[in-house]
Amino acid sequence: MALKRELAAAVAIPIVLAILFAGPALLFNLLVAVVALCALWEFYRMAEKSGHRVAKTLGLAAAGLVLAAAALRWGPVRFETAGEMVEVVGRTSLDWWYGAALAFVFAASIAPMLGRLDPSAALSCAAATVFGVGAIALPATAMCYLRAFSPRAVLLLLALVWVCDSCAYYFGRRFGKTPLAPVISPKKTWEGTVAGLVGATVFGAAAGTWWFLPQLGPARGALAGALASSAGQVGDLVESLWKRGAGVKDSGQFLPGHGGFYDRIDSLLFAGPVMAAFVLGL
């Protein structure tokens, strides 16, 4: 299983990096949309295993609209002709999002009636449908925003999460003694969590000085590393909570040894908006 895990990573990582740096922003945004939609499907499956009926078609359609709007807004295709830059895909306005969000909430509220669910299951159905879009599709758009700023901003986000996870895993495995959340994730320890925080903070300070995102500077880089990695660890615990309630080990079986799509991006969904806030400050 360890060998399969390493082989899967060896294939997936170069593909993602090639799309991030060599492809247009729109292509990366479409990759984000596909992964987020697959993660949302896995979330809805877990919700059903937890006893909640979900309007999956409605939720996936709403998530698709959110992600498509983000892909177009932060992934315009430009080319130069006659000395002028022409934008093929314009930056879409977000003014319609408010009305679309209300329409989605209303539709999710009506879905249990159309599906003729028992009234006792109506509230959980509507809530799980709406929550999935808000918890997965919406924060996933932060990666589209980061790509619009710079591919290096996305790479910094990925590196921070990886450094945090690696430090937490190896230090916690060797020195961890105090359980962090024994009911939700028995193997996580406070010692590993602190090690992940320290490692990501140091890496963030270096990244804010070096090649990754020198616009941040060492101080803001360290703060970004600390806050983004902490948010990422919370995101990992949140997904562990959903899996524990659903009685599953992994959200899916997409990559051998890596679990499902949601397993791969649970930390990014929480860390991404934090990093986007720092980039917005630039």
Protein backbone atom coordinates (compact mmCIF):
# COMPACT_ATOMS: atom_id res chain seq x y z
CA MET A 1 0.00 0.00 0.00
CA ALA A 2 2.89 2.37 0.77
CA LEU A 3 4.37 1.65 -2.67
CA LYS A 4 1.02 2.29 -4.37
CA ARG A 5 0.70 5.54 -2.43
CA GLU A 6 4.12 6.75 -3.57
CA LEU A 7 3.51 5.72 -7.19
CA ALA A 8 0.15 7.49 -7.26
CA ALA A 9 1.75 10.65 -5.91
CA ALA A 10 4.61 10.38 -8.42
CA VAL A 11 2.07 10.40 -11.26
CA ALA A 12 -0.42 12.95 -9.91
CA ILE A 13 1.97 15.65 -8.66
CA PRO A 14 3.78 16.29 -11.99
CA ILE A 15 0.44 16.49 -13.79
CA VAL A 16 -0.91 19.08 -11.36
CA LEU A 17 2.31 21.14 -11.50
CA ALA A 18 2.35 21.02 -15.30
CA ILE A 19 -1.22 22.32 -15.46
CA LEU A 20 -0.45 24.96 -12.83
CA PHE A 21 2.67 26.41 -14.45
CA ALA A 22 2.50 25.46 -18.13
CA GLY A 23 -1.24 25.65 -18.77
CA PRO A 24 -3.56 28.68 -18.86
CA ALA A 25 -5.32 29.78 -15.70
CA LEU A 26 -8.65 28.58 -17.08
CA LEU A 27 -7.36 25.02 -17.39
CA PHE A 28 -6.21 24.98 -13.77
CA ASN A 29 -9.53 26.43 -12.66
CA LEU A 30 -11.36 23.67 -14.53
CA LEU A 31 -9.18 21.11 -12.73
CA VAL A 32 -10.17 22.69 -9.43
CA ALA A 33 -13.84 22.51 -10.44
CA VAL A 34 -13.64 18.82 -11.36
CA VAL A 35 -11.86 17.87 -8.14
CA ALA A 36 -14.24 19.94 -6.01
CA LEU A 37 -17.32 18.42 -7.65
CA CYS A 38 -15.94 14.91 -7.07
CA ALA A 39 -15.24 15.83 -3.43
CA LEU A 40 -18.79 17.15 -3.08
CA TRP A 41 -20.17 13.89 -4.46
CA GLU A 42 -18.16 12.00 -1.83
CA PHE A 43 -19.44 14.36 0.87
CA TYR A 44 -23.02 13.71 -0.16
CA ARG A 45 -22.36 9.96 -0.10
CA MET A 46 -21.05 10.28 3.45
CA ALA A 47 -24.08 12.36 4.40
CA GLU A 48 -26.35 9.58 3.15
CA LYS A 49 -24.40 6.97 5.10
CA SER A 50 -24.92 9.18 8.16
CA GLY A 51 -28.67 8.94 7.63
CA HIS A 52 -29.28 12.21 5.74
CA ARG A 53 -31.05 12.19 2.40
CA VAL A 54 -29.47 14.69 0.00
CA ALA A 55 -30.66 16.35 -3.21
CA LYS A 56 -27.38 15.45 -4.94
CA THR A 57 -28.34 16.60 -8.44
CA LEU A 58 -29.41 20.01 -7.19
CA GLY A 59 -26.33 20.41 -5.00
CA LEU A 60 -23.90 19.39 -7.75
CA ALA A 61 -25.60 21.72 -10.23
CA ALA A 62 -25.35 24.66 -7.82
CA ALA A 63 -21.72 23.82 -7.07
CA GLY A 64 -20.99 23.61 -10.79
CA LEU A 65 -22.36 27.13 -11.28
CA VAL A 66 -20.26 28.49 -8.41
CA LEU A 67 -17.09 26.88 -9.71
CA ALA A 68 -17.78 27.84 -13.33
CA ALA A 69 -18.28 31.47 -12.33
CA ALA A 70 -14.98 31.42 -10.42
CA ALA A 71 -13.19 29.71 -13.31
CA LEU A 72 -14.33 32.40 -15.74
CA ARG A 73 -13.81 35.32 -13.40
CA TRP A 74 -10.26 34.36 -12.45
CA GLY A 75 -9.22 32.54 -15.58
CA PRO A 76 -9.63 34.85 -18.61
CA VAL A 77 -7.91 33.87 -21.84
CA ARG A 78 -6.04 36.77 -23.45
CA PHE A 79 -4.08 37.15 -26.67
CA GLU A 80 -2.42 40.05 -28.43
CA THR A 81 -3.52 41.23 -31.85
CA ALA A 82 -2.66 44.44 -33.69
CA GLY A 83 -0.77 45.62 -30.63
CA GLU A 84 -3.81 45.28 -28.36
CA MET A 85 -4.69 42.69 -25.72
CA VAL A 86 -7.98 40.94 -26.45
CA GLU A 87 -9.79 39.10 -23.67
CA VAL A 88 -11.76 36.08 -24.89
CA VAL A 89 -13.30 35.12 -21.57
CA GLY A 90 -14.29 38.25 -19.71
CA ARG A 91 -14.26 38.73 -15.98
CA THR A 92 -17.82 37.87 -15.07
CA SER A 93 -19.71 40.03 -12.64
CA LEU A 94 -20.60 38.59 -9.26
CA ASP A 95 -23.70 40.73 -8.85
CA TRP A 96 -25.96 37.81 -9.74
CA TRP A 97 -24.49 35.51 -7.06
CA TYR A 98 -26.80 36.86 -4.36
CA GLY A 99 -29.94 36.03 -6.30
CA ALA A 100 -28.54 32.67 -7.39
CA ALA A 101 -27.69 31.78 -3.79
CA LEU A 102 -31.22 32.60 -2.67
CA ALA A 103 -32.69 30.55 -5.51
CA PHE A 104 -30.52 27.59 -4.51
CA VAL A 105 -31.59 27.79 -0.86
CA PHE A 106 -35.25 27.98 -1.88
CA ALA A 107 -34.84 25.04 -4.27
CA ALA A 108 -33.11 22.98 -1.56
CA SER A 109 -36.00 23.73 0.78
CA ILE A 110 -38.55 22.55 -1.78
CA ALA A 111 -36.60 19.43 -2.83
CA PRO A 112 -37.73 17.28 0.14
CA MET A 113 -41.36 17.94 -0.79
CA LEU A 114 -40.77 17.08 -4.43
CA GLY A 115 -38.95 13.93 -3.35
CA ARG A 116 -41.82 13.07 -1.01
CA LEU A 117 -39.50 12.58 1.95
CA ASP A 118 -40.78 11.97 5.41
CA PRO A 119 -41.19 15.36 7.14
CA SER A 120 -38.74 14.27 9.83
CA ALA A 121 -35.98 14.05 7.18
CA ALA A 122 -36.84 17.26 5.32
CA LEU A 123 -34.69 19.62 7.39
CA SER A 124 -31.57 17.44 7.31
CA CYS A 125 -31.97 16.95 3.55
CA ALA A 126 -32.13 20.67 2.81
CA ALA A 127 -29.37 21.50 5.31
CA ALA A 128 -26.93 18.84 4.03
CA THR A 129 -27.54 19.85 0.41
CA VAL A 130 -26.81 23.52 1.03
CA PHE A 131 -23.96 22.88 3.46
CA GLY A 132 -22.05 20.72 1.00
CA VAL A 133 -21.91 23.54 -1.54
CA GLY A 134 -20.90 26.07 1.10
CA ALA A 135 -18.26 23.85 2.66
CA ILE A 136 -16.61 22.51 -0.51
CA ALA A 137 -17.44 24.38 -3.72
CA LEU A 138 -17.28 27.89 -2.25
CA PRO A 139 -13.88 27.64 -0.50
CA ALA A 140 -12.44 25.77 -3.50
CA THR A 141 -12.80 28.99 -5.51
CA ALA A 142 -9.99 30.48 -3.40
CA MET A 143 -7.52 28.38 -5.39
CA CYS A 144 -8.81 29.96 -8.60
CA TYR A 145 -8.17 33.39 -7.09
CA LEU A 146 -4.66 32.41 -6.01
CA ARG A 147 -3.88 31.13 -9.52
CA ALA A 148 -5.03 34.45 -10.98
CA PHE A 149 -2.51 36.22 -8.76
CA SER A 150 0.36 33.83 -9.44
CA PRO A 151 0.94 30.09 -9.86
CA ARG A 152 3.51 30.45 -7.09
CA ALA A 153 0.77 31.47 -4.67
CA VAL A 154 -0.98 28.14 -5.31
CA LEU A 155 2.30 26.28 -4.97
CA LEU A 156 2.95 28.03 -1.65
CA LEU A 157 -0.46 26.92 -0.39
CA LEU A 158 0.22 23.32 -1.42
CA ALA A 159 3.70 23.42 0.11
CA LEU A 160 2.47 24.84 3.42
CA VAL A 161 -0.11 22.10 3.80
CA TRP A 162 2.44 19.43 2.86
CA VAL A 163 5.08 20.77 5.27
CA CYS A 164 2.53 20.98 8.06
CA ASP A 165 1.24 17.46 7.46
CA SER A 166 4.76 16.01 7.19
CA CYS A 167 6.05 17.67 10.37
CA ALA A 168 2.90 16.70 12.27
CA TYR A 169 3.08 13.10 11.07
CA TYR A 170 6.75 12.35 11.64
CA PHE A 171 7.16 14.31 14.88
CA GLY A 172 3.87 13.04 16.26
CA ARG A 173 4.76 9.47 15.35
CA ARG A 174 8.06 9.74 17.22
CA PHE A 175 7.21 11.97 20.17
CA GLY A 176 3.42 12.26 20.27
CA LYS A 177 1.83 11.24 23.56
CA THR A 178 -1.13 13.58 24.14
CA PRO A 179 -4.20 12.80 21.98
CA LEU A 180 -5.61 15.80 20.16
CA ALA A 181 -9.10 14.47 19.40
CA PRO A 182 -9.22 10.81 20.49
CA VAL A 183 -12.83 10.26 19.43
CA ILE A 184 -12.48 11.87 16.00
CA SER A 185 -8.89 11.01 15.02
CA PRO A 186 -7.12 8.80 17.60
CA LYS A 187 -3.68 8.97 15.95
CA LYS A 188 -3.36 12.77 16.01
CA THR A 189 -1.50 14.28 18.96
CA TRP A 190 -0.94 17.76 20.34
CA GLU A 191 2.79 17.31 19.90
CA GLY A 192 2.36 16.56 16.20
CA THR A 193 -0.04 19.47 15.78
CA VAL A 194 2.40 21.93 17.32
CA ALA A 195 5.23 20.53 15.19
CA GLY A 196 3.13 21.06 12.08
CA LEU A 197 2.39 24.63 13.12
CA VAL A 198 6.07 25.40 13.79
CA GLY A 199 7.23 23.78 10.57
CA ALA A 200 4.69 25.67 8.44
CA THR A 201 5.50 28.96 10.20
CA VAL A 202 9.22 28.61 9.52
CA PHE A 203 8.56 27.58 5.93
CA GLY A 204 6.16 30.51 5.47
CA ALA A 205 8.82 32.95 6.70
CA ALA A 206 11.33 31.51 4.23
CA ALA A 207 8.79 31.51 1.38
CA GLY A 208 7.98 35.17 2.10
CA THR A 209 11.64 35.98 1.57
CA TRP A 210 12.55 33.59 -1.21
CA TRP A 211 11.16 32.47 -4.57
CA PHE A 212 7.63 31.41 -3.60
CA LEU A 213 6.00 34.73 -2.73
CA PRO A 214 8.58 37.38 -1.75
CA GLN A 215 5.85 40.04 -1.87
CA LEU A 216 4.73 38.80 1.53
CA GLY A 217 7.99 39.37 3.36
CA PRO A 218 9.22 37.15 6.21
CA ALA A 219 6.84 38.43 8.90
CA ARG A 220 3.65 38.14 6.87
CA GLY A 221 4.94 34.91 5.38
CA ALA A 222 5.36 33.42 8.84
CA LEU A 223 1.90 34.60 9.88
CA ALA A 224 0.38 33.22 6.67
CA GLY A 225 2.11 29.90 7.29
CA ALA A 226 0.87 29.74 10.87
CA LEU A 227 -2.75 30.66 10.13
CA ALA A 228 -3.13 28.73 6.88
CA SER A 229 -1.59 25.57 8.33
CA SER A 230 -3.75 25.83 11.47
CA ALA A 231 -6.85 26.21 9.30
CA GLY A 232 -5.71 23.22 7.26
CA GLN A 233 -5.37 21.05 10.36
CA VAL A 234 -8.87 22.08 11.42
CA GLY A 235 -10.14 21.14 7.95
CA ASP A 236 -8.57 17.70 8.27
CA LEU A 237 -10.26 17.18 11.64
CA VAL A 238 -13.60 18.33 10.26
CA GLU A 239 -13.52 15.76 7.49
CA SER A 240 -12.46 13.10 10.01
CA LEU A 241 -15.58 14.04 11.99
CA TRP A 242 -17.79 13.50 8.93
CA LYS A 243 -16.10 10.16 8.17
CA ARG A 244 -16.46 9.02 11.76
CA GLY A 245 -20.18 9.80 11.64
CA ALA A 246 -20.55 7.97 8.33
CA GLY A 247 -18.55 4.97 9.55
CA VAL A 248 -16.02 5.09 6.71
CA LYS A 249 -12.22 5.19 6.67
CA ASP A 250 -11.85 7.20 3.45
CA SER A 251 -14.24 9.46 1.56
CA GLY A 252 -13.56 7.48 -1.62
CA GLN A 253 -11.06 5.30 -3.46
CA PHE A 254 -9.75 7.50 -6.24
CA LEU A 255 -5.99 7.09 -5.69
CA PRO A 256 -4.47 3.96 -4.12
CA GLY A 257 -3.33 4.75 -0.60
CA HIS A 258 -4.65 8.32 -0.79
CA GLY A 259 -8.38 7.80 -0.38
CA GLY A 260 -10.87 10.00 -2.19
CA PHE A 261 -10.87 13.50 -3.60
CA TYR A 262 -12.24 14.98 -0.39
CA ASP A 263 -9.44 13.28 1.57
CA ARG A 264 -6.89 15.08 -0.64
CA ILE A 265 -8.35 18.59 -0.41
CA ASP A 266 -9.90 18.73 3.07
CA SER A 267 -7.01 20.84 4.41
CA LEU A 268 -6.84 23.00 1.28
CA LEU A 269 -10.50 23.96 1.59
CA PHE A 270 -9.79 25.60 4.94
CA ALA A 271 -6.25 26.84 4.25
CA GLY A 272 -7.02 28.23 0.77
CA PRO A 273 -9.30 31.10 1.84
CA VAL A 274 -6.79 32.10 4.54
CA MET A 275 -3.97 32.29 2.00
CA ALA A 276 -6.27 34.15 -0.41
CA ALA A 277 -6.89 36.76 2.29
CA PHE A 278 -3.15 37.38 2.60
CA VAL A 279 -2.78 37.63 -1.17
CA LEU A 280 -5.73 40.02 -1.32
CA GLY A 281 -3.86 42.21 1.17
CA LEU A 282 -1.04 42.54 -1.34
